[in-house]
Amino acid sequence: MGAANWDHKLVTQGELRPASSNPVSAWPSTPGGVARNLAENLVALGADVALACVLGDDPAGHALHDHARRHGIDTRPVLFEPAQPTGSYTAVLNPQGGLEWAFSAMPGSQNPPPDFLPRAQATLEAQGRGVADLNLPQSWLQALVDHAAQLHCPLALVAVSEAKMANLPQRLEGVALLVLNQGELAALGDTPTSDGTLADLGTLEAVWATLHARGLQHLLVTRGAEGAAYSDGPRLRMLPAPHLSRHAIADVTGAGDAFSAAAVWTLMGLQQPLAQACEAGILAAMQVLTSRHSALPSSSHTGH
C-alpha cells in the first residue's frame, strides 16, 4: 500500500554546478514507487501480492498497471484517479552510481482520494498481512495501523525519506516491523550529527526505545556499507555487510526496497527470526547494488 510511479535516472558527467546546465546521461524510464517496488520484489521472493495504490487515469498510469499485472501482482485494488497525474521520481546519480539529488512528485499517494482508504483496508483484511510505505498521509497510515491491530494482521511500515518521517503514525500497536535508514531515524529522533548519521549506538537505542514504547514490535535500520541494525528487545544488534568495492556498485536505486522486501518476507511470510530477516535484507540489497536493475529478478530466492 503506497506509491507507484515512473522512475527517471540521470547520471552526471562531472561535478554538479549549481544554477547552471549540467551535462548528464539519461537512462530509460522504469516503473518505481516504494510500494510498487516492494510488490515486485515480494513476487520475486515467492509471495502472493496485491498492490493498493493510486494511479493517474493517463497513459503512464495504465502502463504501470499493465507492467505490475504482467509481473504477477494482483492489481484489482489499484485506483485510477482522473484528477491527478501519475507520479514520478527523478534521481540524479554521480558517475559512481551514488545518489546526489532526488525529486518526487506523487500526488496520488500524498493526497489520495477518499475512497482509497477503505480499498486499502479491505485489501489488508483480505491478504491477512501487509506493508505500507510512508508516502501516504499520517492520518491514513494511522487508520491502516489501527485497522491492522483490530484484525490482528501483521503490518510492516517502510520509510521513504527523511522529509516523510513526519507521516509515521503516533500509535504503533499492530506494527510488526519498521524499516528505515540512519538518516530517517535521525530525522525521527531529531538527533542528527553533522554528516546526517546518528551520533552513537546509545542515541540510536534511545530512539528505538521511544518507538518500542509506542507499540512497535521490530526495528530494522539500514546503515549503508556498514550493514544494518535490528532489535525486538531492549538492545540493538549490529549485522555487518560484506565488503563491496566501489567498482562493484552499479546503481544504488532500489537497493533499500529490495532490503525491505526480503526482510518483510522473511519475518512475516516465512516467520523466521529478525536476525535472519536482517541478513536476507542485506543479501537482497547487495544483489540489486551490483546490477543495473532496481528490483530482484523473478528467479531470486533471497530470504528462503
C-alpha atoms as a PDB file:
ATOM      1  CA  MET A   1       0.000   0.000   0.000  1.00  0.00           C
ATOM      2  CA  GLY A   2       1.509   3.300  -1.077  1.00  0.00           C
ATOM      3  CA  ALA A   3       3.257   4.825  -4.059  1.00  0.00           C
ATOM      4  CA  ALA A   4       3.607   3.660  -7.651  1.00  0.00           C
ATOM      5  CA  ASN A   5       5.253   5.944 -10.190  1.00  0.00           C
ATOM      6  CA  TRP A   6       7.780   6.159 -13.004  1.00  0.00           C
ATOM      7  CA  ASP A   7      11.480   6.471 -12.137  1.00  0.00           C
ATOM      8  CA  HIS A   8      13.740   8.699 -14.216  1.00  0.00           C
ATOM      9  CA  LYS A   9      17.510   8.403 -13.736  1.00  0.00           C
ATOM     10  CA  LEU A  10      20.093  10.981 -14.762  1.00  0.00           C
ATOM     11  CA  VAL A  11      23.837  10.317 -14.403  1.00  0.00           C
ATOM     12  CA  THR A  12      26.133  13.317 -14.135  1.00  0.00           C
ATOM     13  CA  GLN A  13      29.231  13.501 -16.308  1.00  0.00           C
ATOM     14  CA  GLY A  14      31.232  15.541 -13.828  1.00  0.00           C
ATOM     15  CA  GLU A  15      30.910  17.740 -10.776  1.00  0.00           C
ATOM     16  CA  LEU A  16      27.485  19.340 -10.417  1.00  0.00           C
ATOM     17  CA  ARG A  17      27.461  23.119 -10.812  1.00  0.00           C
ATOM     18  CA  PRO A  18      24.552  24.961  -9.154  1.00  0.00           C
ATOM     19  CA  ALA A  19      22.482  27.472 -11.134  1.00  0.00           C
ATOM     20  CA  SER A  20      23.898  26.114 -14.388  1.00  0.00           C
ATOM     21  CA  SER A  21      23.132  23.495 -17.021  1.00  0.00           C
ATOM     22  CA  ASN A  22      24.870  20.207 -16.171  1.00  0.00           C
ATOM     23  CA  PRO A  23      25.555  17.535 -18.819  1.00  0.00           C
ATOM     24  CA  VAL A  24      24.029  14.167 -17.899  1.00  0.00           C
ATOM     25  CA  SER A  25      23.242  10.791 -19.408  1.00  0.00           C
ATOM     26  CA  ALA A  26      19.589   9.741 -19.222  1.00  0.00           C
ATOM     27  CA  TRP A  27      18.567   6.134 -18.633  1.00  0.00           C
ATOM     28  CA  PRO A  28      15.257   4.753 -19.898  1.00  0.00           C
ATOM     29  CA  SER A  29      12.362   5.364 -17.503  1.00  0.00           C
ATOM     30  CA  THR A  30      11.421   2.389 -15.321  1.00  0.00           C
ATOM     31  CA  PRO A  31       8.483   1.526 -13.023  1.00  0.00           C
ATOM     32  CA  GLY A  32       9.079   2.714  -9.464  1.00  0.00           C
ATOM     33  CA  GLY A  33       7.481   3.840  -6.233  1.00  0.00           C
ATOM     34  CA  VAL A  34       8.295   2.221  -2.891  1.00  0.00           C
ATOM     35  CA  ALA A  35       5.070   0.195  -2.574  1.00  0.00           C
ATOM     36  CA  ARG A  36       5.223  -0.913  -6.200  1.00  0.00           C
ATOM     37  CA  ASN A  37       8.917  -1.810  -5.840  1.00  0.00           C
ATOM     38  CA  LEU A  38       8.140  -3.814  -2.708  1.00  0.00           C
ATOM     39  CA  ALA A  39       5.356  -5.636  -4.547  1.00  0.00           C
ATOM     40  CA  GLU A  40       7.621  -6.604  -7.442  1.00  0.00           C
ATOM     41  CA  ASN A  41      10.376  -7.769  -5.088  1.00  0.00           C
ATOM     42  CA  LEU A  42       7.921  -9.745  -2.940  1.00  0.00           C
ATOM     43  CA  VAL A  43       6.583 -11.552  -6.002  1.00  0.00           C
ATOM     44  CA  ALA A  44      10.180 -12.414  -6.934  1.00  0.00           C
ATOM     45  CA  LEU A  45      10.607 -13.875  -3.445  1.00  0.00           C
ATOM     46  CA  GLY A  46       7.556 -16.099  -3.832  1.00  0.00           C
ATOM     47  CA  ALA A  47       4.780 -14.097  -2.157  1.00  0.00           C
ATOM     48  CA  ASP A  48       1.213 -13.628  -3.382  1.00  0.00           C
ATOM     49  CA  VAL A  49       0.913  -9.848  -3.609  1.00  0.00           C
ATOM     50  CA  ALA A  50      -1.915  -7.373  -4.118  1.00  0.00           C
ATOM     51  CA  LEU A  51      -0.960  -3.733  -4.766  1.00  0.00           C
ATOM     52  CA  ALA A  52      -3.145  -0.911  -3.430  1.00  0.00           C
ATOM     53  CA  CYS A  53      -2.101   2.410  -4.964  1.00  0.00           C
ATOM     54  CA  VAL A  54      -3.471   5.446  -6.792  1.00  0.00           C
ATOM     55  CA  LEU A  55      -2.532   5.994 -10.439  1.00  0.00           C
ATOM     56  CA  GLY A  56      -3.485   8.769 -12.799  1.00  0.00           C
ATOM     57  CA  ASP A  57      -6.043   7.823 -15.411  1.00  0.00           C
ATOM     58  CA  ASP A  58      -3.455   8.531 -18.084  1.00  0.00           C
ATOM     59  CA  PRO A  59      -1.108   6.520 -20.365  1.00  0.00           C
ATOM     60  CA  ALA A  60       1.626   6.486 -17.706  1.00  0.00           C
ATOM     61  CA  GLY A  61      -0.760   5.091 -15.094  1.00  0.00           C
ATOM     62  CA  HIS A  62      -2.183   2.400 -17.340  1.00  0.00           C
ATOM     63  CA  ALA A  63       1.354   1.390 -18.387  1.00  0.00           C
ATOM     64  CA  LEU A  64       2.306   0.955 -14.717  1.00  0.00           C
ATOM     65  CA  HIS A  65      -0.837  -1.073 -14.110  1.00  0.00           C
ATOM     66  CA  ASP A  66      -0.133  -3.379 -17.047  1.00  0.00           C
ATOM     67  CA  HIS A  67       3.525  -3.801 -16.018  1.00  0.00           C
ATOM     68  CA  ALA A  68       2.505  -4.827 -12.497  1.00  0.00           C
ATOM     69  CA  ARG A  69      -0.064  -7.293 -13.765  1.00  0.00           C
ATOM     70  CA  ARG A  70       2.478  -8.888 -16.140  1.00  0.00           C
ATOM     71  CA  HIS A  71       4.814  -9.366 -13.167  1.00  0.00           C
ATOM     72  CA  GLY A  72       2.247 -11.391 -11.242  1.00  0.00           C
ATOM     73  CA  ILE A  73       0.907  -8.626  -8.985  1.00  0.00           C
ATOM     74  CA  ASP A  74      -2.816  -8.554  -8.204  1.00  0.00           C
ATOM     75  CA  THR A  75      -3.823  -5.080  -9.416  1.00  0.00           C
ATOM     76  CA  ARG A  76      -7.512  -5.188  -8.504  1.00  0.00           C
ATOM     77  CA  PRO A  77      -7.004  -2.754  -5.573  1.00  0.00           C
ATOM     78  CA  VAL A  78      -5.401  -0.145  -7.892  1.00  0.00           C
ATOM     79  CA  LEU A  79      -7.459   3.035  -8.091  1.00  0.00           C
ATOM     80  CA  PHE A  80      -7.311   5.263 -11.199  1.00  0.00           C
ATOM     81  CA  GLU A  81      -7.791   8.943 -10.441  1.00  0.00           C
ATOM     82  CA  PRO A  82      -8.612  11.178 -13.438  1.00  0.00           C
ATOM     83  CA  ALA A  83      -7.990  14.407 -11.485  1.00  0.00           C
ATOM     84  CA  GLN A  84      -4.321  13.631 -10.729  1.00  0.00           C
ATOM     85  CA  PRO A  85      -1.393  12.665 -12.965  1.00  0.00           C
ATOM     86  CA  THR A  86       0.620   9.518 -12.369  1.00  0.00           C
ATOM     87  CA  GLY A  87       3.556  10.158 -10.049  1.00  0.00           C
ATOM     88  CA  SER A  88       7.207  10.499 -10.995  1.00  0.00           C
ATOM     89  CA  TYR A  89      10.583  10.222  -9.250  1.00  0.00           C
ATOM     90  CA  THR A  90      13.774  11.679 -10.712  1.00  0.00           C
ATOM     91  CA  ALA A  91      17.159  10.583  -9.336  1.00  0.00           C
ATOM     92  CA  VAL A  92      20.410  12.384 -10.140  1.00  0.00           C
ATOM     93  CA  LEU A  93      23.307   9.946  -9.747  1.00  0.00           C
ATOM     94  CA  ASN A  94      27.041  10.593  -9.794  1.00  0.00           C
ATOM     95  CA  PRO A  95      29.270   8.603 -12.183  1.00  0.00           C
ATOM     96  CA  GLN A  96      29.863   6.019  -9.404  1.00  0.00           C
ATOM     97  CA  GLY A  97      26.116   5.337  -9.093  1.00  0.00           C
ATOM     98  CA  GLY A  98      25.664   7.235  -5.821  1.00  0.00           C
ATOM     99  CA  LEU A  99      22.608   9.410  -5.276  1.00  0.00           C
ATOM    100  CA  GLU A 100      23.239  13.159  -5.422  1.00  0.00           C
ATOM    101  CA  TRP A 101      19.699  14.539  -5.640  1.00  0.00           C
ATOM    102  CA  ALA A 102      16.188  13.120  -5.886  1.00  0.00           C
ATOM    103  CA  PHE A 103      12.877  14.766  -6.702  1.00  0.00           C
ATOM    104  CA  SER A 104       9.441  13.215  -6.229  1.00  0.00           C
ATOM    105  CA  ALA A 105       6.029  14.298  -7.499  1.00  0.00           C
ATOM    106  CA  MET A 106       3.493  11.781  -6.181  1.00  0.00           C
ATOM    107  CA  PRO A 107       0.050  13.380  -5.853  1.00  0.00           C
ATOM    108  CA  GLY A 108      -1.784  10.050  -5.815  1.00  0.00           C
ATOM    109  CA  SER A 109      -0.134   8.827  -2.611  1.00  0.00           C
ATOM    110  CA  GLN A 110       0.400  12.199  -0.921  1.00  0.00           C
ATOM    111  CA  ASN A 111      -3.201  13.277  -1.468  1.00  0.00           C
ATOM    112  CA  PRO A 112      -5.227  10.119  -2.218  1.00  0.00           C
ATOM    113  CA  PRO A 113      -8.954  10.315  -2.970  1.00  0.00           C
ATOM    114  CA  PRO A 114     -11.294   9.450  -0.066  1.00  0.00           C
ATOM    115  CA  ASP A 115     -12.356   6.067  -1.451  1.00  0.00           C
ATOM    116  CA  PHE A 116      -8.774   4.775  -1.452  1.00  0.00           C
ATOM    117  CA  LEU A 117      -8.603   4.189   2.330  1.00  0.00           C
ATOM    118  CA  PRO A 118     -11.454   1.645   2.532  1.00  0.00           C
ATOM    119  CA  ARG A 119      -9.992  -0.070  -0.522  1.00  0.00           C
ATOM    120  CA  ALA A 120      -6.593  -0.352   1.176  1.00  0.00           C
ATOM    121  CA  GLN A 121      -8.157  -1.567   4.428  1.00  0.00           C
ATOM    122  CA  ALA A 122     -10.174  -4.214   2.571  1.00  0.00           C
ATOM    123  CA  THR A 123      -7.030  -5.384   0.782  1.00  0.00           C
ATOM    124  CA  LEU A 124      -5.165  -5.688   4.097  1.00  0.00           C
ATOM    125  CA  GLU A 125      -8.033  -7.702   5.552  1.00  0.00           C
ATOM    126  CA  ALA A 126      -8.197  -9.995   2.506  1.00  0.00           C
ATOM    127  CA  GLN A 127      -4.452 -10.646   2.459  1.00  0.00           C
ATOM    128  CA  GLY A 128      -4.123 -11.113   6.222  1.00  0.00           C
ATOM    129  CA  ARG A 129      -0.841  -9.151   6.356  1.00  0.00           C
ATOM    130  CA  GLY A 130       0.539  -6.107   4.628  1.00  0.00           C
ATOM    131  CA  VAL A 131       3.214  -3.495   4.134  1.00  0.00           C
ATOM    132  CA  ALA A 132       2.713   0.239   3.624  1.00  0.00           C
ATOM    133  CA  ASP A 133       5.174   2.957   2.692  1.00  0.00           C
ATOM    134  CA  LEU A 134       5.315   6.372   4.342  1.00  0.00           C
ATOM    135  CA  ASN A 135       4.303   8.223   1.192  1.00  0.00           C
ATOM    136  CA  LEU A 136       0.714   8.025   2.469  1.00  0.00           C
ATOM    137  CA  PRO A 137      -0.557  10.787   4.784  1.00  0.00           C
ATOM    138  CA  GLN A 138      -0.147  10.221   8.522  1.00  0.00           C
ATOM    139  CA  SER A 139      -3.904  10.078   9.180  1.00  0.00           C
ATOM    140  CA  TRP A 140      -4.342   7.374   6.540  1.00  0.00           C
ATOM    141  CA  LEU A 141      -1.391   5.376   7.866  1.00  0.00           C
ATOM    142  CA  GLN A 142      -2.771   5.662  11.402  1.00  0.00           C
ATOM    143  CA  ALA A 143      -6.105   4.305  10.164  1.00  0.00           C
ATOM    144  CA  LEU A 144      -4.310   1.377   8.500  1.00  0.00           C
ATOM    145  CA  VAL A 145      -2.264   0.669  11.646  1.00  0.00           C
ATOM    146  CA  ASP A 146      -5.370   0.755  13.848  1.00  0.00           C
ATOM    147  CA  HIS A 147      -7.230  -1.486  11.386  1.00  0.00           C
ATOM    148  CA  ALA A 148      -4.348  -3.982  11.376  1.00  0.00           C
ATOM    149  CA  ALA A 149      -4.307  -4.028  15.183  1.00  0.00           C
ATOM    150  CA  GLN A 150      -8.055  -4.692  15.333  1.00  0.00           C
ATOM    151  CA  LEU A 151      -7.760  -7.530  12.813  1.00  0.00           C
ATOM    152  CA  HIS A 152      -4.531  -8.921  14.339  1.00  0.00           C
ATOM    153  CA  CYS A 153      -2.957  -8.635  10.876  1.00  0.00           C
ATOM    154  CA  PRO A 154       0.820  -8.134  10.844  1.00  0.00           C
ATOM    155  CA  LEU A 155       1.650  -4.802   9.205  1.00  0.00           C
ATOM    156  CA  ALA A 156       5.091  -3.513   8.222  1.00  0.00           C
ATOM    157  CA  LEU A 157       5.911   0.135   7.555  1.00  0.00           C
ATOM    158  CA  VAL A 158       8.734   1.176   5.235  1.00  0.00           C
ATOM    159  CA  ALA A 159      10.242   4.652   5.327  1.00  0.00           C
ATOM    160  CA  VAL A 160      10.633   6.709   2.169  1.00  0.00           C
ATOM    161  CA  SER A 161      12.733   9.760   3.026  1.00  0.00           C
ATOM    162  CA  GLU A 162      13.747  11.942   5.940  1.00  0.00           C
ATOM    163  CA  ALA A 163      11.132  14.523   4.957  1.00  0.00           C
ATOM    164  CA  LYS A 164       8.325  11.958   5.107  1.00  0.00           C
ATOM    165  CA  MET A 165       9.171  10.605   8.559  1.00  0.00           C
ATOM    166  CA  ALA A 166       6.538  13.107   9.711  1.00  0.00           C
ATOM    167  CA  ASN A 167       3.977  10.652   8.273  1.00  0.00           C
ATOM    168  CA  LEU A 168       4.853   7.956  10.814  1.00  0.00           C
ATOM    169  CA  PRO A 169       1.760   7.287  12.970  1.00  0.00           C
ATOM    170  CA  GLN A 170       1.870   8.087  16.681  1.00  0.00           C
ATOM    171  CA  ARG A 171       0.221   4.816  17.735  1.00  0.00           C
ATOM    172  CA  LEU A 172       2.282   1.864  16.524  1.00  0.00           C
ATOM    173  CA  GLU A 173       0.413  -1.022  18.140  1.00  0.00           C
ATOM    174  CA  GLY A 174      -0.058  -3.607  15.408  1.00  0.00           C
ATOM    175  CA  VAL A 175       3.093  -2.601  13.512  1.00  0.00           C
ATOM    176  CA  ALA A 176       5.163  -5.757  13.271  1.00  0.00           C
ATOM    177  CA  LEU A 177       8.163  -4.095  11.624  1.00  0.00           C
ATOM    178  CA  LEU A 178       9.520  -0.652  10.753  1.00  0.00           C
ATOM    179  CA  VAL A 179      12.316  -0.442   8.170  1.00  0.00           C
ATOM    180  CA  LEU A 180      14.280   2.782   7.750  1.00  0.00           C
ATOM    181  CA  ASN A 181      17.813   4.078   7.300  1.00  0.00           C
ATOM    182  CA  GLN A 182      20.073   6.007   9.680  1.00  0.00           C
ATOM    183  CA  GLY A 183      19.200   9.399   8.261  1.00  0.00           C
ATOM    184  CA  GLU A 184      15.472   8.696   8.552  1.00  0.00           C
ATOM    185  CA  LEU A 185      15.852   7.536  12.141  1.00  0.00           C
ATOM    186  CA  ALA A 186      17.932  10.630  12.879  1.00  0.00           C
ATOM    187  CA  ALA A 187      15.144  12.807  11.473  1.00  0.00           C
ATOM    188  CA  LEU A 188      12.626  10.938  13.622  1.00  0.00           C
ATOM    189  CA  GLY A 189      14.663  11.363  16.785  1.00  0.00           C
ATOM    190  CA  ASP A 190      15.755  14.911  15.913  1.00  0.00           C
ATOM    191  CA  THR A 191      19.334  13.996  16.834  1.00  0.00           C
ATOM    192  CA  PRO A 192      21.336  14.059  13.569  1.00  0.00           C
ATOM    193  CA  THR A 193      25.063  14.675  13.535  1.00  0.00           C
ATOM    194  CA  SER A 194      26.774  16.975  11.044  1.00  0.00           C
ATOM    195  CA  ASP A 195      27.111  14.182   8.452  1.00  0.00           C
ATOM    196  CA  GLY A 196      23.478  13.091   8.748  1.00  0.00           C
ATOM    197  CA  THR A 197      24.127   9.840  10.631  1.00  0.00           C
ATOM    198  CA  LEU A 198      23.332   9.016  14.224  1.00  0.00           C
ATOM    199  CA  ALA A 199      25.768  10.096  16.888  1.00  0.00           C
ATOM    200  CA  ASP A 200      26.297   6.727  18.552  1.00  0.00           C
ATOM    201  CA  LEU A 201      24.687   3.432  19.457  1.00  0.00           C
ATOM    202  CA  GLY A 202      23.245   4.900  22.643  1.00  0.00           C
ATOM    203  CA  THR A 203      21.381   7.588  20.714  1.00  0.00           C
ATOM    204  CA  LEU A 204      20.047   5.021  18.255  1.00  0.00           C
ATOM    205  CA  GLU A 205      18.854   2.804  21.088  1.00  0.00           C
ATOM    206  CA  ALA A 206      17.139   5.762  22.757  1.00  0.00           C
ATOM    207  CA  VAL A 207      15.093   6.437  19.625  1.00  0.00           C
ATOM    208  CA  TRP A 208      14.263   2.727  19.355  1.00  0.00           C
ATOM    209  CA  ALA A 209      13.101   2.693  22.999  1.00  0.00           C
ATOM    210  CA  THR A 210      10.696   5.536  22.207  1.00  0.00           C
ATOM    211  CA  LEU A 211       9.280   3.675  19.206  1.00  0.00           C
ATOM    212  CA  HIS A 212       9.023   0.435  21.197  1.00  0.00           C
ATOM    213  CA  ALA A 213       7.074   2.247  23.906  1.00  0.00           C
ATOM    214  CA  ARG A 214       4.632   3.422  21.225  1.00  0.00           C
ATOM    215  CA  GLY A 215       3.904  -0.214  20.299  1.00  0.00           C
ATOM    216  CA  LEU A 216       6.456  -1.068  17.592  1.00  0.00           C
ATOM    217  CA  GLN A 217       7.472  -4.737  17.702  1.00  0.00           C
ATOM    218  CA  HIS A 218      10.565  -4.950  15.465  1.00  0.00           C
ATOM    219  CA  LEU A 219      13.003  -2.398  14.045  1.00  0.00           C
ATOM    220  CA  LEU A 220      15.478  -2.646  11.153  1.00  0.00           C
ATOM    221  CA  VAL A 221      17.889   0.192  10.418  1.00  0.00           C
ATOM    222  CA  THR A 222      19.989   0.079   7.252  1.00  0.00           C
ATOM    223  CA  ARG A 223      23.478   1.549   7.674  1.00  0.00           C
ATOM    224  CA  GLY A 224      24.859   1.604   4.150  1.00  0.00           C
ATOM    225  CA  ALA A 225      28.226  -0.081   3.747  1.00  0.00           C
ATOM    226  CA  GLU A 226      28.283  -0.821   7.494  1.00  0.00           C
ATOM    227  CA  GLY A 227      25.337  -3.228   7.231  1.00  0.00           C
ATOM    228  CA  ALA A 228      22.211  -2.965   9.383  1.00  0.00           C
ATOM    229  CA  ALA A 229      20.976  -2.836  12.959  1.00  0.00           C
ATOM    230  CA  TYR A 230      17.985  -4.744  14.313  1.00  0.00           C
ATOM    231  CA  SER A 231      16.092  -5.221  17.554  1.00  0.00           C
ATOM    232  CA  ASP A 232      12.970  -6.714  19.086  1.00  0.00           C
ATOM    233  CA  GLY A 233      14.015  -6.025  22.679  1.00  0.00           C
ATOM    234  CA  PRO A 234      15.909  -3.502  24.784  1.00  0.00           C
ATOM    235  CA  ARG A 235      19.210  -3.670  22.860  1.00  0.00           C
ATOM    236  CA  LEU A 236      20.159  -3.158  19.235  1.00  0.00           C
ATOM    237  CA  ARG A 237      22.336  -5.684  17.463  1.00  0.00           C
ATOM    238  CA  MET A 238      24.586  -4.897  14.507  1.00  0.00           C
ATOM    239  CA  LEU A 239      24.990  -7.057  11.415  1.00  0.00           C
ATOM    240  CA  PRO A 240      27.860  -6.033   9.116  1.00  0.00           C
ATOM    241  CA  ALA A 241      27.543  -6.198   5.352  1.00  0.00           C
ATOM    242  CA  PRO A 242      30.101  -7.992   3.168  1.00  0.00           C
ATOM    243  CA  HIS A 243      32.561  -5.570   1.635  1.00  0.00           C
ATOM    244  CA  LEU A 244      31.813  -4.250  -1.840  1.00  0.00           C
ATOM    245  CA  SER A 245      34.352  -2.298  -3.844  1.00  0.00           C
ATOM    246  CA  ARG A 246      33.200   0.978  -5.387  1.00  0.00           C
ATOM    247  CA  HIS A 247      33.609  -0.544  -8.846  1.00  0.00           C
ATOM    248  CA  ALA A 248      31.220  -3.381  -7.960  1.00  0.00           C
ATOM    249  CA  ILE A 249      28.336  -0.958  -7.306  1.00  0.00           C
ATOM    250  CA  ALA A 250      26.328  -0.375 -10.479  1.00  0.00           C
ATOM    251  CA  ASP A 251      23.433   1.687  -9.111  1.00  0.00           C
ATOM    252  CA  VAL A 252      22.029   2.354  -5.636  1.00  0.00           C
ATOM    253  CA  THR A 253      18.437   2.790  -6.852  1.00  0.00           C
ATOM    254  CA  GLY A 254      16.133   0.107  -5.451  1.00  0.00           C
ATOM    255  CA  ALA A 255      18.619  -1.455  -3.033  1.00  0.00           C
ATOM    256  CA  GLY A 256      16.696  -0.210   0.001  1.00  0.00           C
ATOM    257  CA  ASP A 257      13.399  -1.520  -1.352  1.00  0.00           C
ATOM    258  CA  ALA A 258      14.974  -4.925  -2.037  1.00  0.00           C
ATOM    259  CA  PHE A 259      16.281  -4.961   1.546  1.00  0.00           C
ATOM    260  CA  SER A 260      12.833  -4.102   2.902  1.00  0.00           C
ATOM    261  CA  ALA A 261      11.006  -6.682   0.794  1.00  0.00           C
ATOM    262  CA  ALA A 262      13.374  -9.517   1.709  1.00  0.00           C
ATOM    263  CA  ALA A 263      13.244  -8.585   5.400  1.00  0.00           C
ATOM    264  CA  VAL A 264       9.439  -8.316   5.425  1.00  0.00           C
ATOM    265  CA  TRP A 265       9.003 -11.627   3.605  1.00  0.00           C
ATOM    266  CA  THR A 266      11.475 -13.471   5.826  1.00  0.00           C
ATOM    267  CA  LEU A 267       9.943 -12.158   9.064  1.00  0.00           C
ATOM    268  CA  MET A 268       6.234 -12.065   8.195  1.00  0.00           C
ATOM    269  CA  GLY A 269       5.961 -14.583   5.352  1.00  0.00           C
ATOM    270  CA  LEU A 270       8.486 -17.253   6.284  1.00  0.00           C
ATOM    271  CA  GLN A 271       8.142 -16.449  10.016  1.00  0.00           C
ATOM    272  CA  GLN A 272      11.871 -16.541  10.602  1.00  0.00           C
ATOM    273  CA  PRO A 273      13.733 -14.669  13.369  1.00  0.00           C
ATOM    274  CA  LEU A 274      14.506 -10.960  12.966  1.00  0.00           C
ATOM    275  CA  ALA A 275      18.240 -11.640  12.677  1.00  0.00           C
ATOM    276  CA  GLN A 276      17.618 -13.858   9.650  1.00  0.00           C
ATOM    277  CA  ALA A 277      15.315 -11.203   8.178  1.00  0.00           C
ATOM    278  CA  CYS A 278      18.094  -8.645   8.548  1.00  0.00           C
ATOM    279  CA  GLU A 279      20.583 -10.955   6.857  1.00  0.00           C
ATOM    280  CA  ALA A 280      18.175 -11.655   3.992  1.00  0.00           C
ATOM    281  CA  GLY A 281      17.695  -7.920   3.537  1.00  0.00           C
ATOM    282  CA  ILE A 282      21.425  -7.274   3.273  1.00  0.00           C
ATOM    283  CA  LEU A 283      21.884 -10.034   0.690  1.00  0.00           C
ATOM    284  CA  ALA A 284      18.968  -8.717  -1.379  1.00  0.00           C
ATOM    285  CA  ALA A 285      20.317  -5.168  -1.276  1.00  0.00           C
ATOM    286  CA  MET A 286      23.733  -6.350  -2.436  1.00  0.00           C
ATOM    287  CA  GLN A 287      22.139  -8.241  -5.314  1.00  0.00           C
ATOM    288  CA  VAL A 288      20.486  -5.043  -6.552  1.00  0.00           C
ATOM    289  CA  LEU A 289      23.509  -2.824  -5.853  1.00  0.00           C
ATOM    290  CA  THR A 290      25.680  -4.897  -8.169  1.00  0.00           C
ATOM    291  CA  SER A 291      23.199  -4.902 -11.068  1.00  0.00           C
ATOM    292  CA  ARG A 292      21.592  -2.308 -13.334  1.00  0.00           C
ATOM    293  CA  HIS A 293      18.166  -3.434 -12.174  1.00  0.00           C
ATOM    294  CA  SER A 294      16.118  -1.722  -9.473  1.00  0.00           C
ATOM    295  CA  ALA A 295      14.418  -4.936  -8.287  1.00  0.00           C
ATOM    296  CA  LEU A 296      15.255  -8.564  -7.628  1.00  0.00           C
ATOM    297  CA  PRO A 297      14.974 -10.914 -10.607  1.00  0.00           C
ATOM    298  CA  SER A 298      11.975 -13.221 -10.629  1.00  0.00           C
ATOM    299  CA  SER A 299      14.225 -16.253 -10.123  1.00  0.00           C
ATOM    300  CA  SER A 300      15.669 -14.806  -6.881  1.00  0.00           C
ATOM    301  CA  HIS A 301      15.490 -16.963  -3.770  1.00  0.00           C
ATOM    302  CA  THR A 302      16.864 -14.402  -1.323  1.00  0.00           C
ATOM    303  CA  GLY A 303      15.355 -14.937   2.102  1.00  0.00           C
ATOM    304  CA  HIS A 304      14.339 -18.603   1.555  1.00  0.00           C
END
